[in-house]
Amino acid sequence: MSDISNESTTVPQPSLYNRIITDSSKISPTTSESHSVQITTIRLNGDNFLRWSQSVRMYIRGRGRMGYLTGEKKAPAVDDPNYAIWDAENSMVMT
Protein backbone atom coordinates (compact mmCIF):
# COMPACT_ATOMS: atom_id res chain seq x y z
CA MET A 1 0.00 0.00 0.00
CA SER A 2 1.37 3.44 -0.84
CA ASP A 3 1.24 6.32 1.60
CA ILE A 4 0.70 10.05 1.27
CA SER A 5 2.62 12.09 3.84
CA ASN A 6 2.56 15.66 5.00
CA GLU A 7 4.37 17.21 7.96
CA SER A 8 2.19 15.64 10.64
CA THR A 9 0.28 12.64 9.32
CA THR A 10 0.61 9.71 6.98
CA VAL A 11 -2.58 8.63 5.22
CA PRO A 12 -2.46 5.13 3.74
CA GLN A 13 -3.85 4.90 0.21
CA PRO A 14 -5.73 1.74 -0.80
CA SER A 15 -4.10 -0.46 -3.39
CA LEU A 16 -5.85 -1.18 -6.67
CA TYR A 17 -6.67 -4.68 -5.40
CA ASN A 18 -8.42 -3.29 -2.32
CA ARG A 19 -10.45 -0.86 -4.45
CA ILE A 20 -11.60 -3.71 -6.70
CA ILE A 21 -12.62 -5.85 -3.73
CA THR A 22 -14.45 -2.91 -2.15
CA ASP A 23 -16.19 -2.00 -5.40
CA SER A 24 -17.33 -5.58 -5.95
CA SER A 25 -19.22 -5.37 -2.66
CA LYS A 26 -21.50 -2.79 -4.34
CA ILE A 27 -22.98 -5.58 -6.44
CA SER A 28 -26.34 -6.38 -4.96
CA PRO A 29 -28.30 -8.84 -7.04
CA THR A 30 -32.03 -8.79 -6.63
CA THR A 31 -33.59 -11.72 -4.83
CA SER A 32 -34.45 -13.34 -8.15
CA GLU A 33 -30.85 -12.97 -9.37
CA SER A 34 -29.28 -14.40 -6.25
CA HIS A 35 -31.06 -17.76 -6.56
CA SER A 36 -31.81 -20.08 -9.40
CA VAL A 37 -34.89 -18.71 -11.10
CA GLN A 38 -37.07 -19.72 -14.02
CA ILE A 39 -37.17 -16.65 -16.25
CA THR A 40 -39.79 -17.97 -18.66
CA THR A 41 -42.38 -20.71 -18.71
CA ILE A 42 -41.80 -21.20 -22.43
CA ARG A 43 -39.80 -24.35 -23.12
CA LEU A 44 -37.58 -23.86 -26.16
CA ASN A 45 -38.22 -26.30 -28.99
CA GLY A 46 -37.68 -26.28 -32.74
CA ASP A 47 -40.78 -24.21 -33.46
CA ASN A 48 -40.93 -21.44 -30.86
CA PHE A 49 -37.56 -19.67 -30.86
CA LEU A 50 -39.04 -16.23 -31.58
CA ARG A 51 -41.54 -16.45 -28.73
CA TRP A 52 -38.93 -17.90 -26.34
CA SER A 53 -36.26 -15.32 -27.22
CA GLN A 54 -38.72 -12.42 -26.79
CA SER A 55 -39.56 -13.69 -23.33
CA VAL A 56 -35.90 -14.06 -22.34
CA ARG A 57 -35.00 -10.62 -23.75
CA MET A 58 -37.86 -9.00 -21.88
CA TYR A 59 -36.61 -10.52 -18.61
CA ILE A 60 -32.99 -9.45 -19.19
CA ARG A 61 -34.01 -5.97 -20.35
CA GLY A 62 -36.18 -5.61 -17.26
CA ARG A 63 -33.11 -6.29 -15.11
CA GLY A 64 -31.13 -3.60 -16.97
CA ARG A 65 -28.63 -6.12 -18.32
CA MET A 66 -29.36 -6.10 -22.08
CA GLY A 67 -26.10 -4.28 -22.87
CA TYR A 68 -24.14 -7.33 -21.74
CA LEU A 69 -25.77 -9.43 -24.47
CA THR A 70 -25.62 -6.82 -27.21
CA GLY A 71 -22.01 -5.87 -26.50
CA GLU A 72 -23.02 -2.29 -25.73
CA LYS A 73 -21.77 -2.70 -22.14
CA LYS A 74 -18.03 -3.01 -22.79
CA ALA A 75 -15.66 -4.61 -20.30
CA PRO A 76 -13.39 -2.08 -18.64
CA ALA A 77 -9.66 -2.81 -18.44
CA VAL A 78 -8.85 -5.55 -15.94
CA ASP A 79 -6.98 -3.05 -13.74
CA ASP A 80 -9.96 -0.64 -13.75
CA PRO A 81 -11.76 -0.56 -10.37
CA ASN A 82 -15.08 -1.09 -12.20
CA TYR A 83 -13.94 -4.37 -13.76
CA ALA A 84 -15.03 -6.53 -10.81
CA ILE A 85 -18.55 -5.09 -10.99
CA TRP A 86 -18.73 -5.58 -14.77
CA ASP A 87 -17.46 -9.16 -14.46
CA ALA A 88 -19.99 -10.10 -11.77
CA GLU A 89 -22.92 -8.56 -13.66
CA ASN A 90 -21.81 -10.15 -16.92
CA SER A 91 -21.63 -13.53 -15.17
CA MET A 92 -25.19 -13.08 -13.86
CA VAL A 93 -26.43 -12.68 -17.43
CA MET A 94 -24.42 -15.60 -18.78
CA THR A 95 -25.61 -18.16 -16.24
C-alpha atoms as a PDB file:
ATOM      1  CA  MET A   1       0.000   0.000   0.000  1.00  0.00           C
ATOM      2  CA  SER A   2       1.366   3.441  -0.842  1.00  0.00           C
ATOM      3  CA  ASP A   3       1.240   6.320   1.605  1.00  0.00           C
ATOM      4  CA  ILE A   4       0.703  10.047   1.274  1.00  0.00           C
ATOM      5  CA  SER A   5       2.624  12.086   3.842  1.00  0.00           C
ATOM      6  CA  ASN A   6       2.556  15.658   4.996  1.00  0.00           C
ATOM      7  CA  GLU A   7       4.372  17.211   7.963  1.00  0.00           C
ATOM      8  CA  SER A   8       2.189  15.636  10.640  1.00  0.00           C
ATOM      9  CA  THR A   9       0.285  12.636   9.315  1.00  0.00           C
ATOM     10  CA  THR A  10       0.608   9.706   6.977  1.00  0.00           C
ATOM     11  CA  VAL A  11      -2.580   8.634   5.224  1.00  0.00           C
ATOM     12  CA  PRO A  12      -2.464   5.127   3.742  1.00  0.00           C
ATOM     13  CA  GLN A  13      -3.847   4.895   0.212  1.00  0.00           C
ATOM     14  CA  PRO A  14      -5.731   1.739  -0.804  1.00  0.00           C
ATOM     15  CA  SER A  15      -4.104  -0.456  -3.387  1.00  0.00           C
ATOM     16  CA  LEU A  16      -5.852  -1.181  -6.667  1.00  0.00           C
ATOM     17  CA  TYR A  17      -6.671  -4.677  -5.397  1.00  0.00           C
ATOM     18  CA  ASN A  18      -8.419  -3.291  -2.317  1.00  0.00           C
ATOM     19  CA  ARG A  19     -10.448  -0.862  -4.451  1.00  0.00           C
ATOM     20  CA  ILE A  20     -11.598  -3.715  -6.705  1.00  0.00           C
ATOM     21  CA  ILE A  21     -12.618  -5.855  -3.727  1.00  0.00           C
ATOM     22  CA  THR A  22     -14.453  -2.914  -2.147  1.00  0.00           C
ATOM     23  CA  ASP A  23     -16.194  -2.002  -5.403  1.00  0.00           C
ATOM     24  CA  SER A  24     -17.326  -5.582  -5.949  1.00  0.00           C
ATOM     25  CA  SER A  25     -19.217  -5.373  -2.661  1.00  0.00           C
ATOM     26  CA  LYS A  26     -21.503  -2.795  -4.340  1.00  0.00           C
ATOM     27  CA  ILE A  27     -22.982  -5.575  -6.441  1.00  0.00           C
ATOM     28  CA  SER A  28     -26.344  -6.376  -4.961  1.00  0.00           C
ATOM     29  CA  PRO A  29     -28.301  -8.836  -7.035  1.00  0.00           C
ATOM     30  CA  THR A  30     -32.031  -8.792  -6.635  1.00  0.00           C
ATOM     31  CA  THR A  31     -33.594 -11.720  -4.827  1.00  0.00           C
ATOM     32  CA  SER A  32     -34.447 -13.337  -8.145  1.00  0.00           C
ATOM     33  CA  GLU A  33     -30.847 -12.969  -9.367  1.00  0.00           C
ATOM     34  CA  SER A  34     -29.279 -14.405  -6.247  1.00  0.00           C
ATOM     35  CA  HIS A  35     -31.057 -17.762  -6.558  1.00  0.00           C
ATOM     36  CA  SER A  36     -31.811 -20.082  -9.400  1.00  0.00           C
ATOM     37  CA  VAL A  37     -34.893 -18.711 -11.102  1.00  0.00           C
ATOM     38  CA  GLN A  38     -37.073 -19.724 -14.021  1.00  0.00           C
ATOM     39  CA  ILE A  39     -37.167 -16.647 -16.251  1.00  0.00           C
ATOM     40  CA  THR A  40     -39.790 -17.970 -18.655  1.00  0.00           C
ATOM     41  CA  THR A  41     -42.384 -20.706 -18.712  1.00  0.00           C
ATOM     42  CA  ILE A  42     -41.804 -21.198 -22.435  1.00  0.00           C
ATOM     43  CA  ARG A  43     -39.803 -24.354 -23.120  1.00  0.00           C
ATOM     44  CA  LEU A  44     -37.585 -23.858 -26.162  1.00  0.00           C
ATOM     45  CA  ASN A  45     -38.220 -26.303 -28.987  1.00  0.00           C
ATOM     46  CA  GLY A  46     -37.681 -26.285 -32.737  1.00  0.00           C
ATOM     47  CA  ASP A  47     -40.776 -24.207 -33.463  1.00  0.00           C
ATOM     48  CA  ASN A  48     -40.927 -21.437 -30.860  1.00  0.00           C
ATOM     49  CA  PHE A  49     -37.556 -19.669 -30.859  1.00  0.00           C
ATOM     50  CA  LEU A  50     -39.045 -16.228 -31.584  1.00  0.00           C
ATOM     51  CA  ARG A  51     -41.542 -16.447 -28.732  1.00  0.00           C
ATOM     52  CA  TRP A  52     -38.935 -17.901 -26.341  1.00  0.00           C
ATOM     53  CA  SER A  53     -36.261 -15.319 -27.218  1.00  0.00           C
ATOM     54  CA  GLN A  54     -38.717 -12.421 -26.795  1.00  0.00           C
ATOM     55  CA  SER A  55     -39.565 -13.693 -23.335  1.00  0.00           C
ATOM     56  CA  VAL A  56     -35.901 -14.058 -22.344  1.00  0.00           C
ATOM     57  CA  ARG A  57     -34.996 -10.625 -23.754  1.00  0.00           C
ATOM     58  CA  MET A  58     -37.861  -9.005 -21.879  1.00  0.00           C
ATOM     59  CA  TYR A  59     -36.612 -10.524 -18.612  1.00  0.00           C
ATOM     60  CA  ILE A  60     -32.994  -9.455 -19.193  1.00  0.00           C
ATOM     61  CA  ARG A  61     -34.013  -5.969 -20.354  1.00  0.00           C
ATOM     62  CA  GLY A  62     -36.180  -5.608 -17.255  1.00  0.00           C
ATOM     63  CA  ARG A  63     -33.107  -6.290 -15.114  1.00  0.00           C
ATOM     64  CA  GLY A  64     -31.127  -3.599 -16.970  1.00  0.00           C
ATOM     65  CA  ARG A  65     -28.629  -6.116 -18.321  1.00  0.00           C
ATOM     66  CA  MET A  66     -29.356  -6.102 -22.079  1.00  0.00           C
ATOM     67  CA  GLY A  67     -26.096  -4.280 -22.869  1.00  0.00           C
ATOM     68  CA  TYR A  68     -24.140  -7.331 -21.737  1.00  0.00           C
ATOM     69  CA  LEU A  69     -25.773  -9.430 -24.467  1.00  0.00           C
ATOM     70  CA  THR A  70     -25.619  -6.817 -27.215  1.00  0.00           C
ATOM     71  CA  GLY A  71     -22.011  -5.874 -26.502  1.00  0.00           C
ATOM     72  CA  GLU A  72     -23.020  -2.290 -25.731  1.00  0.00           C
ATOM     73  CA  LYS A  73     -21.766  -2.695 -22.137  1.00  0.00           C
ATOM     74  CA  LYS A  74     -18.030  -3.010 -22.790  1.00  0.00           C
ATOM     75  CA  ALA A  75     -15.662  -4.608 -20.300  1.00  0.00           C
ATOM     76  CA  PRO A  76     -13.386  -2.082 -18.636  1.00  0.00           C
ATOM     77  CA  ALA A  77      -9.664  -2.814 -18.439  1.00  0.00           C
ATOM     78  CA  VAL A  78      -8.846  -5.550 -15.935  1.00  0.00           C
ATOM     79  CA  ASP A  79      -6.983  -3.054 -13.737  1.00  0.00           C
ATOM     80  CA  ASP A  80      -9.960  -0.643 -13.752  1.00  0.00           C
ATOM     81  CA  PRO A  81     -11.756  -0.556 -10.368  1.00  0.00           C
ATOM     82  CA  ASN A  82     -15.079  -1.094 -12.199  1.00  0.00           C
ATOM     83  CA  TYR A  83     -13.940  -4.375 -13.761  1.00  0.00           C
ATOM     84  CA  ALA A  84     -15.034  -6.530 -10.808  1.00  0.00           C
ATOM     85  CA  ILE A  85     -18.548  -5.088 -10.987  1.00  0.00           C
ATOM     86  CA  TRP A  86     -18.732  -5.579 -14.766  1.00  0.00           C
ATOM     87  CA  ASP A  87     -17.459  -9.158 -14.464  1.00  0.00           C
ATOM     88  CA  ALA A  88     -19.988 -10.097 -11.771  1.00  0.00           C
ATOM     89  CA  GLU A  89     -22.924  -8.555 -13.655  1.00  0.00           C
ATOM     90  CA  ASN A  90     -21.807 -10.150 -16.924  1.00  0.00           C
ATOM     91  CA  SER A  91     -21.628 -13.525 -15.171  1.00  0.00           C
ATOM     92  CA  MET A  92     -25.186 -13.076 -13.862  1.00  0.00           C
ATOM     93  CA  VAL A  93     -26.432 -12.683 -17.434  1.00  0.00           C
ATOM     94  CA  MET A  94     -24.418 -15.599 -18.785  1.00  0.00           C
ATOM     95  CA  THR A  95     -25.613 -18.158 -16.236  1.00  0.00           C
END
